[in-house]
N, C-alpha and C. Protein backbone atom coordinates (compact mmCIF):
# COMPACT_ATOMS: atom_id res chain seq x y z
N MET A 1 95.83 114.89 61.48
CA MET A 1 95.47 114.70 63.06
C MET A 1 94.35 112.74 63.06
N GLN A 2 94.64 112.49 64.12
CA GLN A 2 93.83 111.06 64.69
C GLN A 2 93.11 111.22 66.35
N TYR A 3 91.93 110.82 66.07
CA TYR A 3 91.30 110.84 67.44
C TYR A 3 91.72 109.17 68.10
N ARG A 4 91.08 109.43 69.27
CA ARG A 4 91.43 108.05 69.78
C ARG A 4 90.45 108.23 71.39
N MET A 5 91.16 107.05 72.06
CA MET A 5 90.28 107.46 73.57
C MET A 5 91.55 107.63 74.50
N ALA A 6 91.30 108.05 75.17
CA ALA A 6 92.40 108.06 75.62
C ALA A 6 92.16 106.52 76.75
N ASN A 7 93.63 106.80 77.71
CA ASN A 7 94.15 105.58 78.46
C ASN A 7 94.70 106.40 79.82
N LYS A 8 95.61 105.73 80.72
CA LYS A 8 95.87 105.57 81.70
C LYS A 8 97.57 105.96 81.87
N ALA A 9 98.33 105.21 80.33
CA ALA A 9 99.25 105.44 80.03
C ALA A 9 99.69 107.05 79.61
N ASP A 10 98.39 107.88 79.01
CA ASP A 10 98.28 109.13 78.62
C ASP A 10 98.98 109.77 79.81
N GLY A 11 98.89 109.92 80.93
CA GLY A 11 98.65 110.37 82.08
C GLY A 11 99.45 111.83 81.58
N GLU A 12 100.51 110.98 82.03
CA GLU A 12 101.75 112.65 81.94
C GLU A 12 101.67 112.93 80.85
N ALA A 13 101.71 112.94 79.50
CA ALA A 13 101.26 113.74 77.79
C ALA A 13 99.97 115.24 78.23
N LEU A 14 99.15 113.94 79.52
CA LEU A 14 97.95 115.27 79.37
C LEU A 14 98.14 115.79 80.31
N LYS A 15 98.81 115.86 80.99
CA LYS A 15 99.64 116.47 81.75
C LYS A 15 100.05 117.67 81.64
N THR A 16 100.97 117.15 81.16
CA THR A 16 101.62 118.69 79.77
C THR A 16 101.11 118.79 78.91
N LEU A 17 99.72 118.72 78.71
CA LEU A 17 99.95 119.28 77.46
C LEU A 17 99.02 119.93 78.01
N ALA A 18 97.69 120.35 79.67
CA ALA A 18 97.01 120.94 80.12
C ALA A 18 98.05 122.31 80.65
N LEU A 19 99.24 122.01 81.35
CA LEU A 19 99.96 122.62 81.65
C LEU A 19 100.95 123.88 80.69
N LYS A 20 100.65 123.56 79.13
CA LYS A 20 101.32 123.76 78.42
C LYS A 20 99.89 124.37 77.82
N ALA A 21 98.62 124.37 77.84
CA ALA A 21 97.66 125.44 77.47
C ALA A 21 97.40 126.30 78.02
N TRP A 22 97.04 125.60 79.70
CA TRP A 22 96.41 126.75 80.26
C TRP A 22 97.25 127.61 80.94
N SER A 23 98.87 127.49 80.79
CA SER A 23 99.05 128.59 81.09
C SER A 23 99.24 129.88 79.96
N GLY A 24 98.36 129.94 79.14
CA GLY A 24 98.32 130.92 78.52
C GLY A 24 97.01 131.80 79.40
N PHE A 25 96.57 131.55 80.33
CA PHE A 25 95.20 132.02 81.35
C PHE A 25 96.61 132.93 82.62
N GLU A 26 97.44 132.20 83.09
CA GLU A 26 98.10 132.89 84.18
C GLU A 26 98.27 134.16 84.30
N ASN A 27 98.22 134.72 83.29
CA ASN A 27 98.04 136.51 83.47
C ASN A 27 96.97 136.74 83.27
N GLU A 28 95.55 136.44 82.90
CA GLU A 28 94.10 136.30 83.01
C GLU A 28 93.86 136.37 84.60
N LEU A 29 94.41 135.35 85.81
CA LEU A 29 94.71 134.86 87.20
C LEU A 29 95.27 136.16 88.15
N SER A 30 94.96 135.73 89.19
CA SER A 30 95.93 136.21 90.47
C SER A 30 96.88 135.56 90.43
N PRO A 31 97.69 135.55 90.83
CA PRO A 31 99.32 134.86 91.33
C PRO A 31 98.26 133.55 92.00
N GLU A 32 97.93 133.83 93.15
CA GLU A 32 97.14 133.28 94.09
C GLU A 32 96.04 131.93 93.30
N ASN A 33 95.23 132.90 92.47
CA ASN A 33 94.53 131.75 91.50
C ASN A 33 94.86 130.86 90.66
N TRP A 34 96.39 131.38 90.24
CA TRP A 34 97.20 130.71 88.70
C TRP A 34 97.60 129.17 90.15
N ALA A 35 98.30 129.51 90.95
CA ALA A 35 98.89 128.43 91.83
C ALA A 35 98.01 127.18 92.16
N ARG A 36 96.58 127.83 92.74
CA ARG A 36 95.70 126.77 92.83
C ARG A 36 95.30 125.88 91.27
N LEU A 37 95.04 126.19 90.35
CA LEU A 37 94.95 125.98 89.12
C LEU A 37 96.39 125.22 88.71
N LYS A 38 97.62 125.86 88.48
CA LYS A 38 98.46 124.77 88.54
C LYS A 38 98.67 123.81 89.43
N GLY A 39 98.53 123.64 90.57
CA GLY A 39 98.65 122.60 91.97
C GLY A 39 97.63 121.30 90.46
N ASN A 40 95.91 122.08 90.31
CA ASN A 40 95.34 121.02 89.43
C ASN A 40 95.89 120.60 88.64
N LEU A 41 96.42 121.29 87.36
CA LEU A 41 97.13 120.62 86.40
C LEU A 41 98.39 120.01 86.46
N GLN A 42 98.95 120.23 87.48
CA GLN A 42 100.49 119.36 88.05
C GLN A 42 99.95 117.60 88.51
N ASN A 43 98.88 117.67 89.26
CA ASN A 43 98.32 116.42 89.58
C ASN A 43 97.99 115.13 88.53
N ILE A 44 98.45 114.47 88.72
CA ILE A 44 97.97 113.23 87.67
C ILE A 44 96.75 112.59 88.21
N LYS A 45 96.67 112.75 89.36
CA LYS A 45 95.61 111.95 90.25
C LYS A 45 94.06 113.48 89.08
N THR A 46 94.51 114.58 88.45
CA THR A 46 92.96 115.12 88.31
C THR A 46 93.10 113.99 86.70
N TYR A 47 93.98 114.09 85.91
CA TYR A 47 93.19 112.94 84.88
C TYR A 47 92.64 111.74 85.22
N GLU A 48 93.85 110.93 86.26
CA GLU A 48 93.47 109.45 86.41
C GLU A 48 91.62 109.49 87.02
N ASP A 49 92.15 110.57 87.82
CA ASP A 49 89.82 110.30 88.28
C ASP A 49 88.73 110.69 87.30
N LEU A 50 89.40 111.66 86.24
CA LEU A 50 88.22 111.91 85.19
C LEU A 50 88.19 110.03 83.98
N LEU A 51 89.89 109.61 83.85
CA LEU A 51 89.75 108.65 82.87
C LEU A 51 88.60 107.35 84.14
N ALA A 52 88.82 107.79 85.39
CA ALA A 52 88.17 106.12 85.86
C ALA A 52 86.44 106.44 85.76
N LYS A 53 86.00 107.35 85.84
CA LYS A 53 84.73 108.33 85.90
C LYS A 53 84.20 107.84 84.80
N GLY A 54 84.93 108.36 83.01
CA GLY A 54 84.24 107.45 82.02
C GLY A 54 84.96 108.26 80.61
N PRO A 55 84.87 107.74 79.63
CA PRO A 55 85.91 108.17 78.56
C PRO A 55 86.36 109.54 78.32
N GLY A 56 87.40 109.36 77.77
CA GLY A 56 88.27 110.61 77.40
C GLY A 56 88.46 110.19 76.07
N PHE A 57 88.80 111.37 75.19
CA PHE A 57 89.51 111.36 74.38
C PHE A 57 90.33 112.26 73.80
N VAL A 58 91.67 112.13 72.83
CA VAL A 58 92.59 112.70 73.11
C VAL A 58 92.75 112.74 71.14
N CYS A 59 93.22 113.98 70.88
CA CYS A 59 93.74 114.14 69.51
C CYS A 59 95.45 113.89 69.30
N LEU A 60 96.07 113.13 68.63
CA LEU A 60 97.40 113.15 68.56
C LEU A 60 97.70 113.84 66.71
N ASN A 61 98.96 114.47 66.85
CA ASN A 61 99.07 115.24 65.19
C ASN A 61 100.27 114.10 65.09
N ASN A 62 100.68 114.59 63.46
CA ASN A 62 101.02 113.49 62.84
C ASN A 62 102.37 112.86 63.37
N ASP A 63 102.83 113.40 64.52
CA ASP A 63 104.14 113.03 64.96
C ASP A 63 103.58 111.77 66.18
N ASP A 64 102.25 111.84 66.21
CA ASP A 64 101.81 110.64 68.32
C ASP A 64 101.71 111.65 69.22
N ASN A 65 101.80 112.78 69.07
CA ASN A 65 101.90 113.86 70.29
C ASN A 65 100.46 114.09 70.47
N ILE A 66 99.96 113.78 71.67
CA ILE A 66 98.81 114.54 72.42
C ILE A 66 98.81 115.88 72.31
N VAL A 67 97.91 116.87 71.62
CA VAL A 67 97.82 117.88 70.99
C VAL A 67 96.19 118.16 71.78
N GLY A 68 95.52 117.38 72.23
CA GLY A 68 93.95 118.03 72.12
C GLY A 68 93.54 116.74 73.51
N MET A 69 92.80 117.65 74.10
CA MET A 69 91.63 116.39 75.52
C MET A 69 90.31 116.80 75.79
N SER A 70 89.77 115.85 75.80
CA SER A 70 88.44 115.69 76.43
C SER A 70 87.75 114.35 77.57
N PHE A 71 87.04 115.01 78.62
CA PHE A 71 86.23 113.92 79.57
C PHE A 71 85.04 113.77 79.28
N LEU A 72 84.93 112.70 79.00
CA LEU A 72 82.65 112.85 79.33
C LEU A 72 82.91 111.89 80.57
N VAL A 73 81.84 112.64 81.72
CA VAL A 73 81.65 111.90 82.85
C VAL A 73 80.19 111.85 82.97
N PRO A 74 80.04 110.03 83.22
CA PRO A 74 78.58 110.44 83.40
C PRO A 74 77.53 109.91 83.74
N SER A 75 76.30 110.24 84.19
CA SER A 75 75.65 110.94 85.05
C SER A 75 75.41 109.81 85.65
N GLY A 76 75.36 110.62 87.53
CA GLY A 76 75.05 109.34 88.46
C GLY A 76 76.31 110.35 89.42
N GLU A 77 77.23 111.40 88.54
CA GLU A 77 77.70 111.66 89.10
C GLU A 77 77.64 113.20 89.86
N ALA A 78 76.83 113.27 90.77
CA ALA A 78 76.52 115.05 91.31
C ALA A 78 77.75 115.50 91.69
N THR A 79 77.55 116.91 91.10
CA THR A 79 78.95 117.62 92.39
C THR A 79 77.70 118.78 92.42
N GLU A 80 78.63 119.95 92.89
CA GLU A 80 78.07 121.57 92.82
C GLU A 80 77.44 121.96 92.24
N LEU A 81 77.37 121.66 91.36
CA LEU A 81 77.53 122.13 89.21
C LEU A 81 76.49 121.65 88.87
N PHE A 82 77.07 120.04 88.97
CA PHE A 82 75.58 119.18 88.52
C PHE A 82 74.94 118.32 88.84
N ASP A 83 73.41 118.22 88.21
CA ASP A 83 72.38 117.16 88.49
C ASP A 83 73.07 115.87 88.61
N GLU A 84 72.39 115.06 89.27
CA GLU A 84 73.57 113.72 88.97
C GLU A 84 72.72 113.07 87.47
N SER A 85 71.68 113.66 87.26
CA SER A 85 70.88 112.83 86.01
C SER A 85 71.49 114.15 84.90
N TRP A 86 72.85 114.39 85.11
CA TRP A 86 73.14 115.01 83.83
C TRP A 86 74.93 114.29 83.87
N CYS A 87 74.96 113.68 82.15
CA CYS A 87 76.73 113.80 81.95
C CYS A 87 77.13 115.23 82.17
N SER A 88 78.65 115.35 81.89
CA SER A 88 79.00 116.34 81.84
C SER A 88 80.69 116.39 81.01
N ILE A 89 80.53 117.26 80.31
CA ILE A 89 81.78 116.79 79.59
C ILE A 89 83.24 117.80 80.78
N ARG A 90 84.11 117.53 80.61
CA ARG A 90 85.53 117.96 81.38
C ARG A 90 86.49 118.59 80.42
N PHE A 91 87.46 119.99 80.80
CA PHE A 91 88.70 119.72 80.19
C PHE A 91 88.97 119.54 79.41
N VAL A 92 88.18 120.15 78.02
CA VAL A 92 88.71 120.92 76.69
C VAL A 92 89.47 121.58 76.88
N THR A 93 90.97 120.35 76.42
CA THR A 93 91.93 121.17 76.35
C THR A 93 93.08 121.20 74.65
N VAL A 94 92.88 122.46 74.24
CA VAL A 94 93.62 122.12 72.90
C VAL A 94 95.18 122.56 73.47
N ASP A 95 96.68 122.11 72.82
CA ASP A 95 97.55 122.48 72.75
C ASP A 95 97.78 124.36 71.96
N PRO A 96 98.93 125.09 72.64
CA PRO A 96 98.33 126.31 72.24
C PRO A 96 98.73 126.83 70.21
N ASP A 97 99.30 126.02 70.07
CA ASP A 97 100.16 125.89 68.36
C ASP A 97 99.22 125.34 67.44
N TYR A 98 98.24 124.49 68.00
CA TYR A 98 96.83 124.01 67.79
C TYR A 98 95.67 124.46 67.19
N THR A 99 95.11 126.10 67.79
CA THR A 99 94.14 126.06 67.87
C THR A 99 93.78 126.30 66.62
N GLY A 100 92.46 126.78 66.39
CA GLY A 100 91.80 126.85 65.11
C GLY A 100 91.90 126.04 63.65
N MET A 101 92.27 124.64 64.70
CA MET A 101 92.40 123.81 63.74
C MET A 101 90.42 122.94 63.73
N GLY A 102 90.32 122.84 65.10
CA GLY A 102 88.96 122.52 65.28
C GLY A 102 89.21 121.35 65.87
N ILE A 103 90.15 121.31 66.82
CA ILE A 103 90.11 120.29 67.76
C ILE A 103 89.44 119.93 68.57
N GLY A 104 89.41 121.54 69.22
CA GLY A 104 88.37 121.69 70.59
C GLY A 104 86.70 120.96 69.96
N LYS A 105 86.45 121.52 68.45
CA LYS A 105 84.83 121.50 68.17
C LYS A 105 85.32 120.15 68.70
N THR A 106 85.80 119.35 67.96
CA THR A 106 85.88 117.70 67.16
C THR A 106 85.89 116.69 68.74
N LEU A 107 86.28 117.68 69.88
CA LEU A 107 86.57 116.60 70.93
C LEU A 107 85.40 116.63 72.10
N THR A 108 84.80 117.65 71.71
CA THR A 108 83.31 118.10 72.59
C THR A 108 82.44 117.21 71.73
N GLN A 109 82.61 117.36 70.00
CA GLN A 109 81.51 116.75 69.70
C GLN A 109 81.30 114.72 69.93
N LYS A 110 82.45 114.30 70.26
CA LYS A 110 83.12 112.98 70.07
C LYS A 110 82.74 113.02 71.68
N CYS A 111 82.34 114.01 72.67
CA CYS A 111 82.07 113.58 74.39
C CYS A 111 79.94 113.27 74.16
N ILE A 112 79.82 114.97 73.49
CA ILE A 112 78.08 114.43 72.78
C ILE A 112 77.88 112.62 72.35
N ASP A 113 78.45 112.81 71.89
CA ASP A 113 78.55 111.75 70.27
C ASP A 113 78.61 110.03 71.41
N ALA A 114 79.83 109.99 72.69
CA ALA A 114 79.74 109.22 72.99
C ALA A 114 78.31 109.13 74.46
N ALA A 115 77.93 110.22 74.83
CA ALA A 115 76.85 110.01 75.55
C ALA A 115 75.21 109.91 74.78
N ARG A 116 74.82 110.18 74.13
CA ARG A 116 73.91 109.65 73.11
C ARG A 116 73.93 108.31 73.18
N LEU A 117 75.21 108.24 72.82
CA LEU A 117 75.47 106.00 72.72
C LEU A 117 75.16 105.50 73.89
N ASN A 118 75.42 105.84 74.92
CA ASN A 118 75.44 106.16 76.00
C ASN A 118 73.94 106.04 76.66
N GLY A 119 72.98 106.51 76.05
CA GLY A 119 72.18 107.37 76.50
C GLY A 119 71.37 108.12 77.14
N GLU A 120 72.26 108.63 77.79
CA GLU A 120 71.85 110.05 78.44
C GLU A 120 71.18 110.56 77.53
N LYS A 121 70.29 112.04 78.61
CA LYS A 121 69.41 112.78 78.15
C LYS A 121 70.27 114.34 77.60
N THR A 122 70.66 114.40 79.03
CA THR A 122 71.26 115.96 79.05
C THR A 122 73.01 115.94 79.14
N ILE A 123 73.30 117.20 78.39
CA ILE A 123 74.62 117.15 79.24
C ILE A 123 75.03 118.61 79.31
N ALA A 124 75.98 118.14 80.88
CA ALA A 124 76.36 120.00 80.83
C ALA A 124 77.85 119.85 80.85
N LEU A 125 78.31 121.31 80.92
CA LEU A 125 79.55 121.96 80.96
C LEU A 125 79.43 123.48 81.57
N HIS A 126 80.99 123.27 82.33
CA HIS A 126 81.21 124.53 82.87
C HIS A 126 82.22 125.53 82.00
N THR A 127 81.84 126.47 82.13
CA THR A 127 83.42 127.20 81.38
C THR A 127 82.97 128.98 82.16
N SER A 128 84.27 129.70 81.58
CA SER A 128 84.26 131.20 82.37
C SER A 128 84.72 132.01 81.62
N GLU A 129 84.51 133.33 81.94
CA GLU A 129 84.47 134.58 81.00
C GLU A 129 86.25 134.39 80.06
N ILE A 130 87.00 134.07 80.43
CA ILE A 130 88.21 134.17 80.05
C ILE A 130 88.05 132.64 78.57
N MET A 131 87.51 131.97 78.85
CA MET A 131 87.42 130.64 77.91
C MET A 131 86.79 131.06 76.29
N HIS A 132 87.08 132.55 75.88
CA HIS A 132 86.34 132.79 74.97
C HIS A 132 85.83 131.81 73.42
N ALA A 133 86.92 131.42 73.13
CA ALA A 133 86.77 130.25 71.88
C ALA A 133 86.22 129.46 72.44
N ALA A 134 86.41 128.63 73.31
CA ALA A 134 85.79 128.01 73.91
C ALA A 134 83.98 128.02 73.97
N ARG A 135 84.12 129.16 74.37
CA ARG A 135 82.26 129.12 74.70
C ARG A 135 81.53 129.69 73.25
N HIS A 136 82.13 129.58 72.54
CA HIS A 136 82.22 130.51 71.19
C HIS A 136 81.54 128.65 70.02
N ILE A 137 82.77 127.91 70.72
CA ILE A 137 82.21 126.13 70.05
C ILE A 137 81.36 125.49 71.20
N TYR A 138 80.96 125.75 72.47
CA TYR A 138 79.91 125.17 73.04
C TYR A 138 78.75 125.18 72.42
N GLU A 139 78.45 126.95 72.04
CA GLU A 139 77.70 127.65 71.82
C GLU A 139 77.02 127.06 70.45
N SER A 140 78.07 126.99 69.53
CA SER A 140 77.69 127.08 67.68
C SER A 140 77.06 124.93 68.06
N LEU A 141 77.47 124.24 69.04
CA LEU A 141 76.96 122.98 69.17
C LEU A 141 75.86 122.87 69.83
N GLY A 142 75.13 124.29 69.74
CA GLY A 142 74.07 124.08 71.19
C GLY A 142 73.47 124.34 72.35
N PHE A 143 74.66 124.23 72.86
CA PHE A 143 74.44 124.39 73.96
C PHE A 143 74.37 125.82 74.51
N GLN A 144 73.41 125.88 75.83
CA GLN A 144 73.15 127.34 76.26
C GLN A 144 73.10 127.41 77.77
N ILE A 145 73.62 128.84 77.74
CA ILE A 145 73.73 129.28 79.67
C ILE A 145 72.29 128.45 80.46
N LEU A 146 72.73 127.65 81.22
CA LEU A 146 71.35 127.28 81.80
C LEU A 146 71.69 128.79 83.27
N LYS A 147 73.02 129.17 84.04
CA LYS A 147 73.24 129.76 85.09
C LYS A 147 74.29 129.90 85.12
N GLU A 148 74.31 131.28 86.15
CA GLU A 148 75.70 131.82 85.87
C GLU A 148 76.17 131.38 87.76
N ILE A 149 77.08 130.79 87.80
CA ILE A 149 77.76 130.32 89.20
C ILE A 149 78.60 131.04 90.02
N GLU A 150 78.51 130.83 91.35
CA GLU A 150 79.75 131.57 92.17
C GLU A 150 81.00 132.02 90.95
N PRO A 151 81.60 133.30 91.48
CA PRO A 151 82.89 133.17 90.46
C PRO A 151 84.11 132.38 91.10
N ARG A 152 84.72 131.40 89.89
CA ARG A 152 85.93 130.65 90.30
C ARG A 152 87.48 130.78 90.10
N LEU A 153 88.57 131.40 90.89
CA LEU A 153 89.19 132.00 90.62
C LEU A 153 89.96 132.74 90.04
N GLY A 154 88.11 133.76 90.85
CA GLY A 154 88.32 135.31 90.44
C GLY A 154 87.48 135.60 89.45
N LYS A 155 86.56 134.50 88.13
CA LYS A 155 86.48 135.01 87.22
C LYS A 155 84.97 134.58 87.31
N ARG A 156 84.26 135.43 85.91
CA ARG A 156 82.70 134.56 86.12
C ARG A 156 83.09 133.13 85.30
N TYR A 157 81.66 132.42 86.04
CA TYR A 157 81.55 131.15 85.65
C TYR A 157 80.14 130.73 85.34
N TRP A 158 79.45 130.01 83.84
CA TRP A 158 78.50 129.24 83.95
C TRP A 158 78.45 128.06 83.46
N VAL A 159 77.15 127.38 83.40
CA VAL A 159 76.39 126.04 83.65
C VAL A 159 76.06 126.10 82.23
N TYR A 160 76.44 125.11 81.37
CA TYR A 160 75.91 125.45 79.92
C TYR A 160 75.31 123.58 79.53
N LEU A 161 73.92 123.85 79.42
CA LEU A 161 73.12 122.84 78.71
C LEU A 161 73.00 122.18 77.73
N LEU A 162 72.90 121.19 77.17
CA LEU A 162 72.55 120.97 75.76
C LEU A 162 71.71 119.33 76.25
N THR A 163 70.65 119.38 76.03
CA THR A 163 69.93 118.41 75.92
C THR A 163 69.50 117.72 74.48
N LEU A 164 69.91 116.25 75.01
CA LEU A 164 70.27 115.33 74.05
C LEU A 164 68.84 114.33 72.99
């Protein structure tokens, strides 16, 4: 596996990866909530906007296909979930054919390392009750639950923080 920075030319491959990976959650969501999520996954602007804000990272297999991605949004981007003094990790995604290989953990660590290099003090993320593997990775890297937030897509969600 190889890792590199994501770029705008990766947009279609990122979208394809997201649809493949997140489709595994379709049966865990109501049809309405799956349609909402799928709409975001299919929108190339989702990935362009993340890349415009900060660095993205991808994992490539031996055929140079993207099989994992993550994004770091720098501090100063306050949202309903994140304080403007925090940077945040978004959209850690791994192709289901490549789970269990440490890709999600490596992509998360790349975001943490980039945040440290940028002088960030706190890094945040949010995840849900259906993201068992992701929650395990985040907790193993030292993230701690800050708070439970309003349900999204009909599922429980939490904001996690890591002090850098």
